[in-house]
Amino acid sequence: MAATKTWDATRPAVMRAMAGILAVALLLSFTACDNDAERQVKGLKMQVQDLYGAKDFTKGLDVSQKGFALARKVMGDTAPDTLYFAQAISENQLGLHNAQGAMRALKQELALRSNAGQSEKKLQSHRTLLIKLAQESGDSSTAIDQTVIIAKAVGMGSGKEPQPTYKADTDYPPDLYRQHVEGDVEIAFDLDEDGKPVGARVSKATPPNVFDSAALESFRKWRFTPYIENDAPVSSTGHHFTLAFRMGRAG
């Protein structure tokens, strides 16, 4: 005689309950993993701060890179902790005087901050630092690209005076410094589409013929925001800029 199968009316409810328990357990395991990762990120941030304060940039860079990889994996590219470690990498590369490494780090940081929706105004100091490193490392392509980005962001066009994005150091003539002589040099110039001064010449100086050579030698290495027309940089003419020579600073 065949066995008669009986249906347990409570089975569906039990199965649903078990499924619910498993789901909660899985969620708790994920939460535990997330909390553990977050604790690791917090610990790495504290290490970065301590190492930077101790000027141990080599170890600080290593910890920053580990923190960046972990935060990026767990929290995403635009999370505040990811951006924190991206900046820490840049700062430690700068501390090591590694211009190429710092430029790579700054480019990465700028891309992440831009994707996170940070305003161009907030990013401008990072861009000008990148321009300075690029300019002084002979990487004119990066300097030009970043200068054009700033020019577009500030809406450079006819009627606006170009803004300097890179200022070369201006040497204060030693004899004049010792004599406490101060002055101003107004320079007339045009700009090419890359933001480089063209045809720089002294239009006015006080006192005359004193700081002219020092001013021009420095100024010809500067870079400015070019005018933008139809979303592209263009050359322009008829600009003026005054370099001030004061005790303690020049430029």
C-alpha atoms as a PDB file:
ATOM      1  CA  MET A   1       0.000   0.000   0.000  1.00  0.00           C
ATOM      2  CA  ALA A   2       1.450   3.359  -1.031  1.00  0.00           C
ATOM      3  CA  ALA A   3       2.352   5.752   1.713  1.00  0.00           C
ATOM      4  CA  THR A   4       0.130   8.767   1.916  1.00  0.00           C
ATOM      5  CA  LYS A   5       1.929  12.114   1.787  1.00  0.00           C
ATOM      6  CA  THR A   6       0.639  14.675   4.204  1.00  0.00           C
ATOM      7  CA  TRP A   7       1.054  18.436   3.793  1.00  0.00           C
ATOM      8  CA  ASP A   8       2.376  20.342   6.754  1.00  0.00           C
ATOM      9  CA  ALA A   9       0.456  23.601   6.709  1.00  0.00           C
ATOM     10  CA  THR A  10       3.141  25.285   8.782  1.00  0.00           C
ATOM     11  CA  ARG A  11       5.945  24.547   6.307  1.00  0.00           C
ATOM     12  CA  PRO A  12       5.569  27.696   4.121  1.00  0.00           C
ATOM     13  CA  ALA A  13       5.604  29.897   7.190  1.00  0.00           C
ATOM     14  CA  VAL A  14       8.689  28.125   8.556  1.00  0.00           C
ATOM     15  CA  MET A  15      10.464  28.452   5.222  1.00  0.00           C
ATOM     16  CA  ARG A  16       9.624  32.135   5.031  1.00  0.00           C
ATOM     17  CA  ALA A  17      10.900  32.613   8.562  1.00  0.00           C
ATOM     18  CA  MET A  18      14.132  30.773   7.759  1.00  0.00           C
ATOM     19  CA  ALA A  19      14.619  32.867   4.629  1.00  0.00           C
ATOM     20  CA  GLY A  20      14.108  35.992   6.688  1.00  0.00           C
ATOM     21  CA  ILE A  21      16.636  34.846   9.279  1.00  0.00           C
ATOM     22  CA  LEU A  22      19.188  34.079   6.564  1.00  0.00           C
ATOM     23  CA  ALA A  23      18.628  37.485   4.953  1.00  0.00           C
ATOM     24  CA  VAL A  24      19.127  39.256   8.281  1.00  0.00           C
ATOM     25  CA  ALA A  25      22.253  37.206   8.977  1.00  0.00           C
ATOM     26  CA  LEU A  26      23.635  38.066   5.544  1.00  0.00           C
ATOM     27  CA  LEU A  27      22.858  41.742   6.059  1.00  0.00           C
ATOM     28  CA  LEU A  28      24.526  41.697   9.461  1.00  0.00           C
ATOM     29  CA  SER A  29      27.607  40.045   7.979  1.00  0.00           C
ATOM     30  CA  PHE A  30      27.810  42.752   5.295  1.00  0.00           C
ATOM     31  CA  THR A  31      27.316  45.447   7.931  1.00  0.00           C
ATOM     32  CA  ALA A  32      30.056  43.917  10.058  1.00  0.00           C
ATOM     33  CA  CYS A  33      32.374  43.913   7.041  1.00  0.00           C
ATOM     34  CA  ASP A  34      31.497  47.521   6.269  1.00  0.00           C
ATOM     35  CA  ASN A  35      32.032  48.569   9.873  1.00  0.00           C
ATOM     36  CA  ASP A  36      35.366  46.753   9.938  1.00  0.00           C
ATOM     37  CA  ALA A  37      36.455  48.501   6.725  1.00  0.00           C
ATOM     38  CA  GLU A  38      35.321  51.854   8.071  1.00  0.00           C
ATOM     39  CA  ARG A  39      37.348  51.276  11.225  1.00  0.00           C
ATOM     40  CA  GLN A  40      40.371  50.469   9.070  1.00  0.00           C
ATOM     41  CA  VAL A  41      39.855  53.654   7.063  1.00  0.00           C
ATOM     42  CA  LYS A  42      39.586  55.719  10.242  1.00  0.00           C
ATOM     43  CA  GLY A  43      42.754  54.132  11.615  1.00  0.00           C
ATOM     44  CA  LEU A  44      44.646  54.809   8.388  1.00  0.00           C
ATOM     45  CA  LYS A  45      43.529  58.452   8.439  1.00  0.00           C
ATOM     46  CA  MET A  46      44.936  58.842  11.943  1.00  0.00           C
ATOM     47  CA  GLN A  47      48.215  57.279  10.815  1.00  0.00           C
ATOM     48  CA  VAL A  48      48.411  59.647   7.845  1.00  0.00           C
ATOM     49  CA  GLN A  49      47.921  62.660  10.107  1.00  0.00           C
ATOM     50  CA  ASP A  50      50.570  61.484  12.577  1.00  0.00           C
ATOM     51  CA  LEU A  51      53.103  60.684   9.859  1.00  0.00           C
ATOM     52  CA  TYR A  52      52.546  63.994   8.086  1.00  0.00           C
ATOM     53  CA  GLY A  53      53.048  65.842  11.359  1.00  0.00           C
ATOM     54  CA  ALA A  54      56.288  63.918  11.863  1.00  0.00           C
ATOM     55  CA  LYS A  55      57.320  64.742   8.260  1.00  0.00           C
ATOM     56  CA  ASP A  56      57.714  61.037   7.498  1.00  0.00           C
ATOM     57  CA  PHE A  57      56.540  61.498   3.923  1.00  0.00           C
ATOM     58  CA  THR A  58      57.790  58.139   2.650  1.00  0.00           C
ATOM     59  CA  LYS A  59      55.746  56.119   5.121  1.00  0.00           C
ATOM     60  CA  GLY A  60      52.936  58.659   4.916  1.00  0.00           C
ATOM     61  CA  LEU A  61      52.709  58.118   1.166  1.00  0.00           C
ATOM     62  CA  ASP A  62      52.534  54.346   1.616  1.00  0.00           C
ATOM     63  CA  VAL A  63      49.745  54.582   4.207  1.00  0.00           C
ATOM     64  CA  SER A  64      47.886  57.177   2.117  1.00  0.00           C
ATOM     65  CA  GLN A  65      47.931  54.891  -0.916  1.00  0.00           C
ATOM     66  CA  LYS A  66      46.623  51.967   1.147  1.00  0.00           C
ATOM     67  CA  GLY A  67      43.881  54.144   2.613  1.00  0.00           C
ATOM     68  CA  PHE A  68      42.957  55.470  -0.819  1.00  0.00           C
ATOM     69  CA  ALA A  69      42.624  51.969  -2.290  1.00  0.00           C
ATOM     70  CA  LEU A  70      40.484  50.781   0.635  1.00  0.00           C
ATOM     71  CA  ALA A  71      38.239  53.859   0.768  1.00  0.00           C
ATOM     72  CA  ARG A  72      37.753  53.788  -2.993  1.00  0.00           C
ATOM     73  CA  LYS A  73      36.768  50.113  -2.910  1.00  0.00           C
ATOM     74  CA  VAL A  74      34.413  50.357   0.059  1.00  0.00           C
ATOM     75  CA  MET A  75      33.015  53.891  -0.229  1.00  0.00           C
ATOM     76  CA  GLY A  76      33.435  54.874  -3.874  1.00  0.00           C
ATOM     77  CA  ASP A  77      35.415  57.422  -5.876  1.00  0.00           C
ATOM     78  CA  THR A  78      33.597  60.508  -4.630  1.00  0.00           C
ATOM     79  CA  ALA A  79      33.382  59.672  -0.913  1.00  0.00           C
ATOM     80  CA  PRO A  80      34.958  62.265   1.429  1.00  0.00           C
ATOM     81  CA  ASP A  81      37.429  59.703   2.800  1.00  0.00           C
ATOM     82  CA  THR A  82      38.534  58.765  -0.723  1.00  0.00           C
ATOM     83  CA  LEU A  83      39.142  62.439  -1.488  1.00  0.00           C
ATOM     84  CA  TYR A  84      40.984  62.822   1.824  1.00  0.00           C
ATOM     85  CA  PHE A  85      43.472  60.095   0.919  1.00  0.00           C
ATOM     86  CA  ALA A  86      43.819  61.431  -2.641  1.00  0.00           C
ATOM     87  CA  GLN A  87      44.871  64.787  -1.198  1.00  0.00           C
ATOM     88  CA  ALA A  88      47.172  63.074   1.298  1.00  0.00           C
ATOM     89  CA  ILE A  89      48.951  61.323  -1.585  1.00  0.00           C
ATOM     90  CA  SER A  90      49.480  64.694  -3.292  1.00  0.00           C
ATOM     91  CA  GLU A  91      50.782  66.318  -0.114  1.00  0.00           C
ATOM     92  CA  ASN A  92      53.193  63.498   0.682  1.00  0.00           C
ATOM     93  CA  GLN A  93      54.551  63.530  -2.875  1.00  0.00           C
ATOM     94  CA  LEU A  94      55.120  67.262  -2.463  1.00  0.00           C
ATOM     95  CA  GLY A  95      56.808  66.614   0.873  1.00  0.00           C
ATOM     96  CA  LEU A  96      59.167  64.214  -0.897  1.00  0.00           C
ATOM     97  CA  HIS A  97      59.876  66.893  -3.554  1.00  0.00           C
ATOM     98  CA  ASN A  98      58.758  64.409  -6.187  1.00  0.00           C
ATOM     99  CA  ALA A  99      57.415  66.758  -8.856  1.00  0.00           C
ATOM    100  CA  GLN A 100      56.359  64.028 -11.289  1.00  0.00           C
ATOM    101  CA  GLY A 101      54.649  62.008  -8.564  1.00  0.00           C
ATOM    102  CA  ALA A 102      52.938  65.124  -7.217  1.00  0.00           C
ATOM    103  CA  MET A 103      51.641  66.041 -10.679  1.00  0.00           C
ATOM    104  CA  ARG A 104      50.187  62.563 -11.196  1.00  0.00           C
ATOM    105  CA  ALA A 105      48.578  62.702  -7.758  1.00  0.00           C
ATOM    106  CA  LEU A 106      47.146  66.182  -8.334  1.00  0.00           C
ATOM    107  CA  LYS A 107      45.665  65.161 -11.689  1.00  0.00           C
ATOM    108  CA  GLN A 108      44.010  62.173 -10.021  1.00  0.00           C
ATOM    109  CA  GLU A 109      42.764  64.316  -7.142  1.00  0.00           C
ATOM    110  CA  LEU A 110      41.373  66.987  -9.473  1.00  0.00           C
ATOM    111  CA  ALA A 111      39.521  64.389 -11.549  1.00  0.00           C
ATOM    112  CA  LEU A 112      37.947  62.842  -8.444  1.00  0.00           C
ATOM    113  CA  ARG A 113      36.984  66.207  -6.943  1.00  0.00           C
ATOM    114  CA  SER A 114      35.479  67.335 -10.241  1.00  0.00           C
ATOM    115  CA  ASN A 115      33.454  64.110 -10.499  1.00  0.00           C
ATOM    116  CA  ALA A 116      32.301  64.690  -6.925  1.00  0.00           C
ATOM    117  CA  GLY A 117      30.769  67.971  -8.074  1.00  0.00           C
ATOM    118  CA  GLN A 118      33.162  70.373  -6.374  1.00  0.00           C
ATOM    119  CA  SER A 119      33.104  73.862  -7.867  1.00  0.00           C
ATOM    120  CA  GLU A 120      35.883  75.036 -10.147  1.00  0.00           C
ATOM    121  CA  LYS A 121      36.452  77.938  -7.762  1.00  0.00           C
ATOM    122  CA  LYS A 122      37.281  75.429  -5.030  1.00  0.00           C
ATOM    123  CA  LEU A 123      39.597  73.516  -7.361  1.00  0.00           C
ATOM    124  CA  GLN A 124      41.519  76.542  -8.632  1.00  0.00           C
ATOM    125  CA  SER A 125      44.224  76.454  -5.948  1.00  0.00           C
ATOM    126  CA  HIS A 126      44.902  72.798  -6.831  1.00  0.00           C
ATOM    127  CA  ARG A 127      45.114  73.688 -10.519  1.00  0.00           C
ATOM    128  CA  THR A 128      47.516  76.592  -9.982  1.00  0.00           C
ATOM    129  CA  LEU A 129      49.752  74.319  -7.903  1.00  0.00           C
ATOM    130  CA  LEU A 130      49.716  71.756 -10.719  1.00  0.00           C
ATOM    131  CA  ILE A 131      50.532  74.522 -13.225  1.00  0.00           C
ATOM    132  CA  LYS A 132      53.482  75.656 -11.096  1.00  0.00           C
ATOM    133  CA  LEU A 133      54.887  72.126 -10.894  1.00  0.00           C
ATOM    134  CA  ALA A 134      54.341  71.545 -14.606  1.00  0.00           C
ATOM    135  CA  GLN A 135      55.840  74.884 -15.612  1.00  0.00           C
ATOM    136  CA  GLU A 136      58.950  74.350 -13.508  1.00  0.00           C
ATOM    137  CA  SER A 137      59.318  70.746 -14.715  1.00  0.00           C
ATOM    138  CA  GLY A 138      59.119  71.686 -18.382  1.00  0.00           C
ATOM    139  CA  ASP A 139      55.691  70.087 -18.872  1.00  0.00           C
ATOM    140  CA  SER A 140      54.160  72.926 -20.876  1.00  0.00           C
ATOM    141  CA  SER A 141      51.291  70.749 -22.135  1.00  0.00           C
ATOM    142  CA  THR A 142      49.906  70.224 -18.629  1.00  0.00           C
ATOM    143  CA  ALA A 143      50.452  73.892 -17.744  1.00  0.00           C
ATOM    144  CA  ILE A 144      48.522  74.992 -20.843  1.00  0.00           C
ATOM    145  CA  ASP A 145      45.674  72.495 -20.332  1.00  0.00           C
ATOM    146  CA  GLN A 146      45.121  73.545 -16.722  1.00  0.00           C
ATOM    147  CA  THR A 147      45.373  77.250 -17.575  1.00  0.00           C
ATOM    148  CA  VAL A 148      42.707  76.884 -20.271  1.00  0.00           C
ATOM    149  CA  ILE A 149      40.416  75.049 -17.830  1.00  0.00           C
ATOM    150  CA  ILE A 150      40.699  77.978 -15.410  1.00  0.00           C
ATOM    151  CA  ALA A 151      40.125  80.480 -18.229  1.00  0.00           C
ATOM    152  CA  LYS A 152      36.916  78.712 -19.251  1.00  0.00           C
ATOM    153  CA  ALA A 153      35.744  78.475 -15.650  1.00  0.00           C
ATOM    154  CA  VAL A 154      36.145  82.216 -15.005  1.00  0.00           C
ATOM    155  CA  GLY A 155      34.603  83.134 -18.358  1.00  0.00           C
ATOM    156  CA  MET A 156      37.615  84.893 -19.860  1.00  0.00           C
ATOM    157  CA  GLY A 157      36.564  87.164 -22.684  1.00  0.00           C
ATOM    158  CA  SER A 158      36.995  90.610 -24.158  1.00  0.00           C
ATOM    159  CA  GLY A 159      36.925  93.273 -21.475  1.00  0.00           C
ATOM    160  CA  LYS A 160      38.377  91.053 -18.747  1.00  0.00           C
ATOM    161  CA  GLU A 161      41.965  91.411 -17.621  1.00  0.00           C
ATOM    162  CA  PRO A 162      43.879  88.115 -17.784  1.00  0.00           C
ATOM    163  CA  GLN A 163      44.637  86.465 -14.445  1.00  0.00           C
ATOM    164  CA  PRO A 164      48.111  85.066 -13.743  1.00  0.00           C
ATOM    165  CA  THR A 165      48.067  81.296 -13.280  1.00  0.00           C
ATOM    166  CA  TYR A 166      51.829  81.039 -12.837  1.00  0.00           C
ATOM    167  CA  LYS A 167      54.249  83.613 -11.449  1.00  0.00           C
ATOM    168  CA  ALA A 168      57.945  82.925 -11.812  1.00  0.00           C
ATOM    169  CA  ASP A 169      60.087  84.057  -8.892  1.00  0.00           C
ATOM    170  CA  THR A 170      61.184  87.670  -9.242  1.00  0.00           C
ATOM    171  CA  ASP A 171      64.703  88.401  -8.000  1.00  0.00           C
ATOM    172  CA  TYR A 172      65.100  91.567  -5.968  1.00  0.00           C
ATOM    173  CA  PRO A 173      68.394  93.172  -7.087  1.00  0.00           C
ATOM    174  CA  PRO A 174      70.716  92.685  -4.065  1.00  0.00           C
ATOM    175  CA  ASP A 175      72.206  96.197  -4.135  1.00  0.00           C
ATOM    176  CA  LEU A 176      68.757  97.783  -4.215  1.00  0.00           C
ATOM    177  CA  TYR A 177      67.554  95.507  -1.434  1.00  0.00           C
ATOM    178  CA  ARG A 178      70.486  96.470   0.785  1.00  0.00           C
ATOM    179  CA  GLN A 179      69.741 100.136   0.104  1.00  0.00           C
ATOM    180  CA  HIS A 180      66.032  99.597   0.898  1.00  0.00           C
ATOM    181  CA  VAL A 181      65.021 100.893  -2.530  1.00  0.00           C
ATOM    182  CA  GLU A 182      61.437 100.022  -3.502  1.00  0.00           C
ATOM    183  CA  GLY A 183      59.552 100.539  -6.754  1.00  0.00           C
ATOM    184  CA  ASP A 184      56.920  99.509  -9.304  1.00  0.00           C
ATOM    185  CA  VAL A 185      57.205  98.390 -12.908  1.00  0.00           C
ATOM    186  CA  GLU A 186      54.171  98.452 -15.190  1.00  0.00           C
ATOM    187  CA  ILE A 187      54.499  96.039 -18.103  1.00  0.00           C
ATOM    188  CA  ALA A 188      52.531  96.201 -21.345  1.00  0.00           C
ATOM    189  CA  PHE A 189      52.097  92.884 -23.138  1.00  0.00           C
ATOM    190  CA  ASP A 190      50.037  90.739 -25.486  1.00  0.00           C
ATOM    191  CA  LEU A 191      49.013  87.123 -24.902  1.00  0.00           C
ATOM    192  CA  ASP A 192      49.195  84.108 -27.160  1.00  0.00           C
ATOM    193  CA  GLU A 193      46.509  81.412 -27.082  1.00  0.00           C
ATOM    194  CA  ASP A 194      48.514  79.424 -24.505  1.00  0.00           C
ATOM    195  CA  GLY A 195      48.510  82.314 -22.041  1.00  0.00           C
ATOM    196  CA  LYS A 196      52.180  83.224 -22.526  1.00  0.00           C
ATOM    197  CA  PRO A 197      53.128  86.938 -22.541  1.00  0.00           C
ATOM    198  CA  VAL A 198      54.265  88.190 -25.939  1.00  0.00           C
ATOM    199  CA  GLY A 199      56.159  91.419 -26.619  1.00  0.00           C
ATOM    200  CA  ALA A 200      56.489  92.342 -22.940  1.00  0.00           C
ATOM    201  CA  ARG A 201      57.881  95.856 -22.481  1.00  0.00           C
ATOM    202  CA  VAL A 202      58.048  98.413 -19.682  1.00  0.00           C
ATOM    203  CA  SER A 203      55.366 101.076 -20.072  1.00  0.00           C
ATOM    204  CA  LYS A 204      56.025 102.895 -16.795  1.00  0.00           C
ATOM    205  CA  ALA A 205      58.422 102.469 -13.883  1.00  0.00           C
ATOM    206  CA  THR A 206      58.991 104.165 -10.537  1.00  0.00           C
ATOM    207  CA  PRO A 207      61.857 104.851 -10.116  1.00  0.00           C
ATOM    208  CA  PRO A 208      62.676 104.670 -13.839  1.00  0.00           C
ATOM    209  CA  ASN A 209      65.273 102.237 -15.230  1.00  0.00           C
ATOM    210  CA  VAL A 210      65.926 100.627 -11.846  1.00  0.00           C
ATOM    211  CA  PHE A 211      63.872  97.423 -11.612  1.00  0.00           C
ATOM    212  CA  ASP A 212      63.092  97.095 -15.336  1.00  0.00           C
ATOM    213  CA  SER A 213      65.473  94.228 -16.160  1.00  0.00           C
ATOM    214  CA  ALA A 214      64.542  92.143 -13.113  1.00  0.00           C
ATOM    215  CA  ALA A 215      60.843  92.655 -13.802  1.00  0.00           C
ATOM    216  CA  LEU A 216      61.021  91.670 -17.472  1.00  0.00           C
ATOM    217  CA  GLU A 217      63.258  88.655 -16.857  1.00  0.00           C
ATOM    218  CA  SER A 218      60.683  87.207 -14.464  1.00  0.00           C
ATOM    219  CA  PHE A 219      57.535  88.331 -16.270  1.00  0.00           C
ATOM    220  CA  ARG A 220      58.390  86.647 -19.563  1.00  0.00           C
ATOM    221  CA  LYS A 221      58.126  83.273 -17.761  1.00  0.00           C
ATOM    222  CA  TRP A 222      54.645  83.942 -16.367  1.00  0.00           C
ATOM    223  CA  ARG A 223      51.407  82.463 -17.663  1.00  0.00           C
ATOM    224  CA  PHE A 224      47.930  84.035 -17.788  1.00  0.00           C
ATOM    225  CA  THR A 225      44.370  82.979 -18.544  1.00  0.00           C
ATOM    226  CA  PRO A 226      43.830  83.494 -22.295  1.00  0.00           C
ATOM    227  CA  TYR A 227      40.595  84.758 -23.803  1.00  0.00           C
ATOM    228  CA  ILE A 228      38.102  82.066 -24.769  1.00  0.00           C
ATOM    229  CA  GLU A 229      36.079  82.271 -27.978  1.00  0.00           C
ATOM    230  CA  ASN A 230      33.803  79.459 -29.200  1.00  0.00           C
ATOM    231  CA  ASP A 231      35.124  77.304 -26.350  1.00  0.00           C
ATOM    232  CA  ALA A 232      38.730  77.653 -27.552  1.00  0.00           C
ATOM    233  CA  PRO A 233      41.630  79.837 -26.323  1.00  0.00           C
ATOM    234  CA  VAL A 234      42.659  82.752 -28.544  1.00  0.00           C
ATOM    235  CA  SER A 235      45.415  85.365 -28.515  1.00  0.00           C
ATOM    236  CA  SER A 236      44.741  88.920 -27.329  1.00  0.00           C
ATOM    237  CA  THR A 237      46.483  92.291 -27.161  1.00  0.00           C
ATOM    238  CA  GLY A 238      46.782  95.445 -25.086  1.00  0.00           C
ATOM    239  CA  HIS A 239      47.227  94.147 -21.542  1.00  0.00           C
ATOM    240  CA  HIS A 240      49.030  95.689 -18.560  1.00  0.00           C
ATOM    241  CA  PHE A 241      50.340  94.298 -15.294  1.00  0.00           C
ATOM    242  CA  THR A 242      52.324  95.959 -12.490  1.00  0.00           C
ATOM    243  CA  LEU A 243      55.092  94.202 -10.580  1.00  0.00           C
ATOM    244  CA  ALA A 244      55.771  95.681  -7.153  1.00  0.00           C
ATOM    245  CA  PHE A 245      59.185  95.553  -5.523  1.00  0.00           C
ATOM    246  CA  ARG A 246      58.767  95.863  -1.765  1.00  0.00           C
ATOM    247  CA  MET A 247      61.088  94.940   1.060  1.00  0.00           C
ATOM    248  CA  GLY A 248      60.449  91.288   1.799  1.00  0.00           C
ATOM    249  CA  ARG A 249      58.792  90.480  -1.512  1.00  0.00           C
ATOM    250  CA  ALA A 250      58.892  91.137  -5.233  1.00  0.00           C
ATOM    251  CA  GLY A 251      56.353  90.408  -7.945  1.00  0.00           C
END
